[in-house]
Amino acid sequence: MNMGQAISSCFSKYATFSGRATRSEYWFFILFYALVFVAVSFLDPTANGMLGSVVWLGFIIPIYAAGSRRMHDVGKNGWFQIIPIYGFILACSASTGDNQYGSAA
């Protein structure tokens, strides 16, 4: 999956917390978010930048939805993404094959 497909997939599943997301889909979306946030930080460098808040609000639901789908891909509940180190380790893990959240992509 390339970056464009990952971004469109995550935005088309804006608030879909069910299903699965591959590693590439999840990490390309996180990379896109980071690049957008850095670009916005340069455009609005003040500490209370309104533009940064708007970007954050626009991305918060799809980031958690993609994270939940990523946790499902490794066979865990979506809530595991909020555990700081363990959630990161799971997000970096390989898919588990077919599981209770659906078939492998």
N, C-alpha and C. Protein backbone atom coordinates (compact mmCIF):
# COMPACT_ATOMS: atom_id res chain seq x y z
N MET A 1 0.86 -1.18 0.00
CA MET A 1 0.00 0.00 0.00
C MET A 1 0.90 1.23 0.00
N ASN A 2 0.59 2.18 -0.89
CA ASN A 2 1.38 3.40 -0.90
C ASN A 2 0.75 4.46 0.02
N MET A 3 1.44 5.57 0.18
CA MET A 3 1.00 6.59 1.13
C MET A 3 -0.35 7.18 0.74
N GLY A 4 -0.57 7.42 -0.54
CA GLY A 4 -1.85 7.99 -0.98
C GLY A 4 -3.03 7.07 -0.69
N GLN A 5 -2.83 5.77 -0.92
CA GLN A 5 -3.89 4.81 -0.61
C GLN A 5 -4.16 4.74 0.89
N ALA A 6 -3.11 4.79 1.68
CA ALA A 6 -3.26 4.73 3.13
C ALA A 6 -4.03 5.94 3.65
N ILE A 7 -3.70 7.11 3.14
CA ILE A 7 -4.37 8.34 3.58
C ILE A 7 -5.84 8.31 3.19
N SER A 8 -6.12 7.94 1.94
CA SER A 8 -7.53 7.91 1.51
C SER A 8 -8.29 6.82 2.24
N SER A 9 -7.65 5.70 2.53
CA SER A 9 -8.32 4.63 3.27
C SER A 9 -8.68 5.08 4.68
N CYS A 10 -7.75 5.73 5.35
CA CYS A 10 -8.01 6.18 6.73
C CYS A 10 -9.06 7.27 6.77
N PHE A 11 -9.05 8.17 5.80
CA PHE A 11 -10.07 9.22 5.80
C PHE A 11 -11.43 8.69 5.34
N SER A 12 -11.44 7.66 4.49
CA SER A 12 -12.73 7.10 4.09
C SER A 12 -13.35 6.29 5.22
N LYS A 13 -12.51 5.79 6.12
CA LYS A 13 -12.99 5.09 7.32
C LYS A 13 -12.83 6.02 8.53
N TYR A 14 -13.23 7.27 8.38
CA TYR A 14 -12.99 8.35 9.34
C TYR A 14 -13.27 7.93 10.78
N ALA A 15 -14.42 7.35 11.04
CA ALA A 15 -14.79 6.98 12.41
C ALA A 15 -15.14 5.50 12.50
N THR A 16 -14.48 4.68 11.70
CA THR A 16 -14.72 3.25 11.73
C THR A 16 -13.70 2.60 12.64
N PHE A 17 -14.17 2.14 13.79
CA PHE A 17 -13.29 1.54 14.77
C PHE A 17 -13.27 0.02 14.67
N SER A 18 -14.00 -0.54 13.71
CA SER A 18 -14.00 -1.98 13.51
C SER A 18 -13.21 -2.32 12.26
N GLY A 19 -12.81 -3.58 12.15
CA GLY A 19 -12.02 -4.00 11.01
C GLY A 19 -10.54 -3.99 11.34
N ARG A 20 -9.74 -4.00 10.30
CA ARG A 20 -8.30 -4.11 10.48
C ARG A 20 -7.56 -3.10 9.62
N ALA A 21 -6.36 -2.72 10.06
CA ALA A 21 -5.48 -1.82 9.29
C ALA A 21 -4.08 -2.42 9.28
N THR A 22 -3.49 -2.47 8.12
CA THR A 22 -2.14 -3.02 8.02
C THR A 22 -1.12 -2.06 8.63
N ARG A 23 0.09 -2.56 8.84
CA ARG A 23 1.15 -1.70 9.37
C ARG A 23 1.41 -0.52 8.47
N SER A 24 1.49 -0.78 7.16
CA SER A 24 1.81 0.31 6.24
C SER A 24 0.69 1.36 6.22
N GLU A 25 -0.55 0.91 6.24
CA GLU A 25 -1.67 1.86 6.24
C GLU A 25 -1.60 2.76 7.47
N TYR A 26 -1.40 2.14 8.63
CA TYR A 26 -1.36 2.90 9.88
C TYR A 26 -0.18 3.87 9.91
N TRP A 27 1.03 3.38 9.61
CA TRP A 27 2.22 4.23 9.75
C TRP A 27 2.30 5.31 8.67
N PHE A 28 1.81 5.03 7.47
CA PHE A 28 1.76 6.08 6.45
C PHE A 28 0.80 7.19 6.89
N PHE A 29 -0.31 6.82 7.52
CA PHE A 29 -1.25 7.84 7.99
C PHE A 29 -0.65 8.66 9.12
N ILE A 30 0.06 8.01 10.03
CA ILE A 30 0.72 8.74 11.12
C ILE A 30 1.79 9.67 10.55
N LEU A 31 2.55 9.21 9.56
CA LEU A 31 3.55 10.05 8.91
C LEU A 31 2.90 11.26 8.25
N PHE A 32 1.79 11.05 7.56
CA PHE A 32 1.07 12.15 6.92
C PHE A 32 0.60 13.17 7.96
N TYR A 33 0.06 12.68 9.08
CA TYR A 33 -0.37 13.58 10.15
C TYR A 33 0.82 14.39 10.68
N ALA A 34 1.95 13.74 10.90
CA ALA A 34 3.13 14.45 11.42
C ALA A 34 3.61 15.51 10.44
N LEU A 35 3.62 15.18 9.15
CA LEU A 35 4.05 16.16 8.14
C LEU A 35 3.10 17.35 8.08
N VAL A 36 1.81 17.08 8.14
CA VAL A 36 0.83 18.17 8.13
C VAL A 36 1.00 19.03 9.37
N PHE A 37 1.18 18.39 10.52
CA PHE A 37 1.31 19.15 11.76
C PHE A 37 2.57 20.01 11.76
N VAL A 38 3.68 19.49 11.23
CA VAL A 38 4.91 20.27 11.13
C VAL A 38 4.72 21.45 10.19
N ALA A 39 4.08 21.21 9.05
CA ALA A 39 3.83 22.30 8.10
C ALA A 39 2.95 23.38 8.72
N VAL A 40 1.93 22.97 9.46
CA VAL A 40 1.04 23.94 10.10
C VAL A 40 1.80 24.70 11.19
N SER A 41 2.71 24.04 11.87
CA SER A 41 3.50 24.70 12.91
C SER A 41 4.37 25.81 12.33
N PHE A 42 4.86 25.60 11.11
CA PHE A 42 5.64 26.65 10.46
C PHE A 42 4.76 27.80 9.99
N LEU A 43 3.53 27.49 9.60
CA LEU A 43 2.61 28.53 9.14
C LEU A 43 2.05 29.36 10.28
N ASP A 44 1.88 28.73 11.44
CA ASP A 44 1.29 29.39 12.60
C ASP A 44 2.13 29.07 13.83
N PRO A 45 3.30 29.73 13.99
CA PRO A 45 4.26 29.34 15.03
C PRO A 45 3.92 29.76 16.46
N THR A 46 2.84 30.48 16.66
CA THR A 46 2.51 30.90 18.02
C THR A 46 2.12 29.70 18.87
N ALA A 47 2.35 29.81 20.17
CA ALA A 47 2.07 28.69 21.08
C ALA A 47 0.59 28.35 21.13
N ASN A 48 -0.27 29.33 20.94
CA ASN A 48 -1.71 29.08 20.97
C ASN A 48 -2.29 29.13 19.56
N GLY A 49 -1.59 28.53 18.62
CA GLY A 49 -1.99 28.57 17.22
C GLY A 49 -3.34 27.94 16.97
N MET A 50 -4.24 28.71 16.41
CA MET A 50 -5.58 28.23 16.12
C MET A 50 -5.55 27.19 15.01
N LEU A 51 -4.68 27.37 14.03
CA LEU A 51 -4.60 26.44 12.91
C LEU A 51 -4.16 25.04 13.37
N GLY A 52 -3.21 24.98 14.28
CA GLY A 52 -2.78 23.69 14.83
C GLY A 52 -3.90 22.98 15.57
N SER A 53 -4.71 23.74 16.28
CA SER A 53 -5.85 23.15 16.99
C SER A 53 -6.89 22.60 16.04
N VAL A 54 -7.11 23.29 14.94
CA VAL A 54 -8.06 22.82 13.93
C VAL A 54 -7.56 21.54 13.29
N VAL A 55 -6.28 21.49 12.97
CA VAL A 55 -5.69 20.27 12.38
C VAL A 55 -5.80 19.12 13.37
N TRP A 56 -5.47 19.36 14.62
CA TRP A 56 -5.55 18.32 15.64
C TRP A 56 -6.98 17.79 15.76
N LEU A 57 -7.94 18.69 15.79
CA LEU A 57 -9.35 18.26 15.89
C LEU A 57 -9.79 17.47 14.66
N GLY A 58 -9.27 17.83 13.50
CA GLY A 58 -9.62 17.12 12.28
C GLY A 58 -9.01 15.74 12.20
N PHE A 59 -7.90 15.52 12.89
CA PHE A 59 -7.19 14.24 12.80
C PHE A 59 -7.42 13.33 14.00
N ILE A 60 -7.93 13.82 15.11
CA ILE A 60 -7.98 13.02 16.33
C ILE A 60 -8.84 11.77 16.18
N ILE A 61 -10.01 11.88 15.58
CA ILE A 61 -10.88 10.70 15.42
C ILE A 61 -10.28 9.70 14.43
N PRO A 62 -9.81 10.13 13.23
CA PRO A 62 -9.23 9.12 12.34
C PRO A 62 -7.96 8.48 12.88
N ILE A 63 -7.18 9.18 13.68
CA ILE A 63 -5.98 8.58 14.25
C ILE A 63 -6.35 7.48 15.24
N TYR A 64 -7.31 7.75 16.11
CA TYR A 64 -7.72 6.72 17.06
C TYR A 64 -8.45 5.58 16.36
N ALA A 65 -9.21 5.88 15.31
CA ALA A 65 -9.89 4.82 14.56
C ALA A 65 -8.86 3.93 13.86
N ALA A 66 -7.86 4.53 13.22
CA ALA A 66 -6.81 3.74 12.56
C ALA A 66 -6.01 2.95 13.60
N GLY A 67 -5.76 3.54 14.75
CA GLY A 67 -5.06 2.83 15.82
C GLY A 67 -5.85 1.64 16.33
N SER A 68 -7.14 1.81 16.44
CA SER A 68 -7.99 0.71 16.87
C SER A 68 -7.99 -0.41 15.85
N ARG A 69 -8.08 -0.06 14.57
CA ARG A 69 -8.02 -1.07 13.52
C ARG A 69 -6.65 -1.75 13.49
N ARG A 70 -5.59 -0.99 13.79
CA ARG A 70 -4.25 -1.58 13.83
C ARG A 70 -4.13 -2.58 14.97
N MET A 71 -4.69 -2.25 16.13
CA MET A 71 -4.67 -3.19 17.26
C MET A 71 -5.45 -4.45 16.90
N HIS A 72 -6.56 -4.30 16.19
CA HIS A 72 -7.32 -5.46 15.75
C HIS A 72 -6.49 -6.34 14.83
N ASP A 73 -5.64 -5.74 14.01
CA ASP A 73 -4.83 -6.49 13.07
C ASP A 73 -3.84 -7.40 13.79
N VAL A 74 -3.40 -7.01 14.97
CA VAL A 74 -2.48 -7.85 15.73
C VAL A 74 -3.22 -8.70 16.76
N GLY A 75 -4.55 -8.71 16.69
CA GLY A 75 -5.35 -9.59 17.54
C GLY A 75 -5.67 -9.04 18.92
N LYS A 76 -5.55 -7.75 19.11
CA LYS A 76 -5.83 -7.14 20.41
C LYS A 76 -7.02 -6.20 20.31
N ASN A 77 -7.58 -5.87 21.46
CA ASN A 77 -8.67 -4.91 21.53
C ASN A 77 -8.12 -3.51 21.20
N GLY A 78 -8.95 -2.66 20.62
CA GLY A 78 -8.53 -1.32 20.23
C GLY A 78 -8.06 -0.44 21.37
N TRP A 79 -8.51 -0.74 22.59
CA TRP A 79 -8.12 0.07 23.75
C TRP A 79 -6.65 -0.08 24.09
N PHE A 80 -5.98 -1.10 23.58
CA PHE A 80 -4.55 -1.29 23.87
C PHE A 80 -3.70 -0.15 23.33
N GLN A 81 -4.21 0.62 22.38
CA GLN A 81 -3.42 1.71 21.81
C GLN A 81 -3.15 2.83 22.82
N ILE A 82 -3.93 2.91 23.89
CA ILE A 82 -3.71 4.00 24.85
C ILE A 82 -2.67 3.66 25.91
N ILE A 83 -2.18 2.41 25.92
CA ILE A 83 -1.11 2.03 26.84
C ILE A 83 0.20 2.44 26.16
N PRO A 84 0.93 3.42 26.72
CA PRO A 84 2.02 4.06 25.98
C PRO A 84 3.03 3.15 25.29
N ILE A 85 3.80 2.40 25.99
CA ILE A 85 4.87 1.62 25.36
C ILE A 85 4.32 0.36 24.70
N TYR A 86 3.42 -0.34 25.38
CA TYR A 86 2.87 -1.57 24.85
C TYR A 86 2.07 -1.32 23.57
N GLY A 87 1.31 -0.23 23.53
CA GLY A 87 0.56 0.13 22.33
C GLY A 87 1.48 0.38 21.14
N PHE A 88 2.61 1.03 21.39
CA PHE A 88 3.58 1.28 20.32
C PHE A 88 4.18 -0.03 19.83
N ILE A 89 4.51 -0.93 20.75
CA ILE A 89 5.08 -2.23 20.37
C ILE A 89 4.07 -3.01 19.53
N LEU A 90 2.81 -2.99 19.93
CA LEU A 90 1.78 -3.68 19.17
C LEU A 90 1.61 -3.07 17.78
N ALA A 91 1.67 -1.74 17.69
CA ALA A 91 1.51 -1.06 16.40
C ALA A 91 2.64 -1.42 15.45
N CYS A 92 3.80 -1.77 15.99
CA CYS A 92 4.95 -2.16 15.17
C CYS A 92 4.96 -3.64 14.85
N SER A 93 4.11 -4.41 15.50
CA SER A 93 4.10 -5.87 15.33
C SER A 93 3.51 -6.28 14.00
N ALA A 94 3.84 -7.50 13.59
CA ALA A 94 3.30 -8.07 12.36
C ALA A 94 1.86 -8.53 12.59
N SER A 95 1.12 -8.65 11.51
CA SER A 95 -0.26 -9.14 11.58
C SER A 95 -0.29 -10.57 12.09
N THR A 96 -1.43 -10.94 12.67
CA THR A 96 -1.56 -12.28 13.26
C THR A 96 -2.27 -13.26 12.35
N GLY A 97 -2.61 -12.89 11.15
CA GLY A 97 -3.42 -13.76 10.29
C GLY A 97 -4.89 -13.56 10.62
N ASP A 98 -5.72 -14.50 10.25
CA ASP A 98 -7.14 -14.36 10.55
C ASP A 98 -7.37 -14.40 12.06
N ASN A 99 -8.25 -13.55 12.55
CA ASN A 99 -8.58 -13.54 13.97
C ASN A 99 -10.05 -13.11 14.14
N GLN A 100 -10.47 -12.87 15.37
CA GLN A 100 -11.87 -12.53 15.63
C GLN A 100 -12.29 -11.19 15.05
N TYR A 101 -11.34 -10.37 14.60
CA TYR A 101 -11.66 -9.06 14.03
C TYR A 101 -11.77 -9.07 12.52
N GLY A 102 -11.51 -10.22 11.89
CA GLY A 102 -11.65 -10.33 10.45
C GLY A 102 -10.50 -11.09 9.83
N SER A 103 -10.57 -11.24 8.54
CA SER A 103 -9.51 -11.97 7.84
C SER A 103 -8.33 -11.04 7.57
N ALA A 104 -7.17 -11.63 7.41
CA ALA A 104 -5.95 -10.85 7.13
C ALA A 104 -6.07 -10.15 5.79
N ALA A 105 -5.53 -8.93 5.73
CA ALA A 105 -5.63 -8.14 4.50
C ALA A 105 -4.65 -8.56 3.45
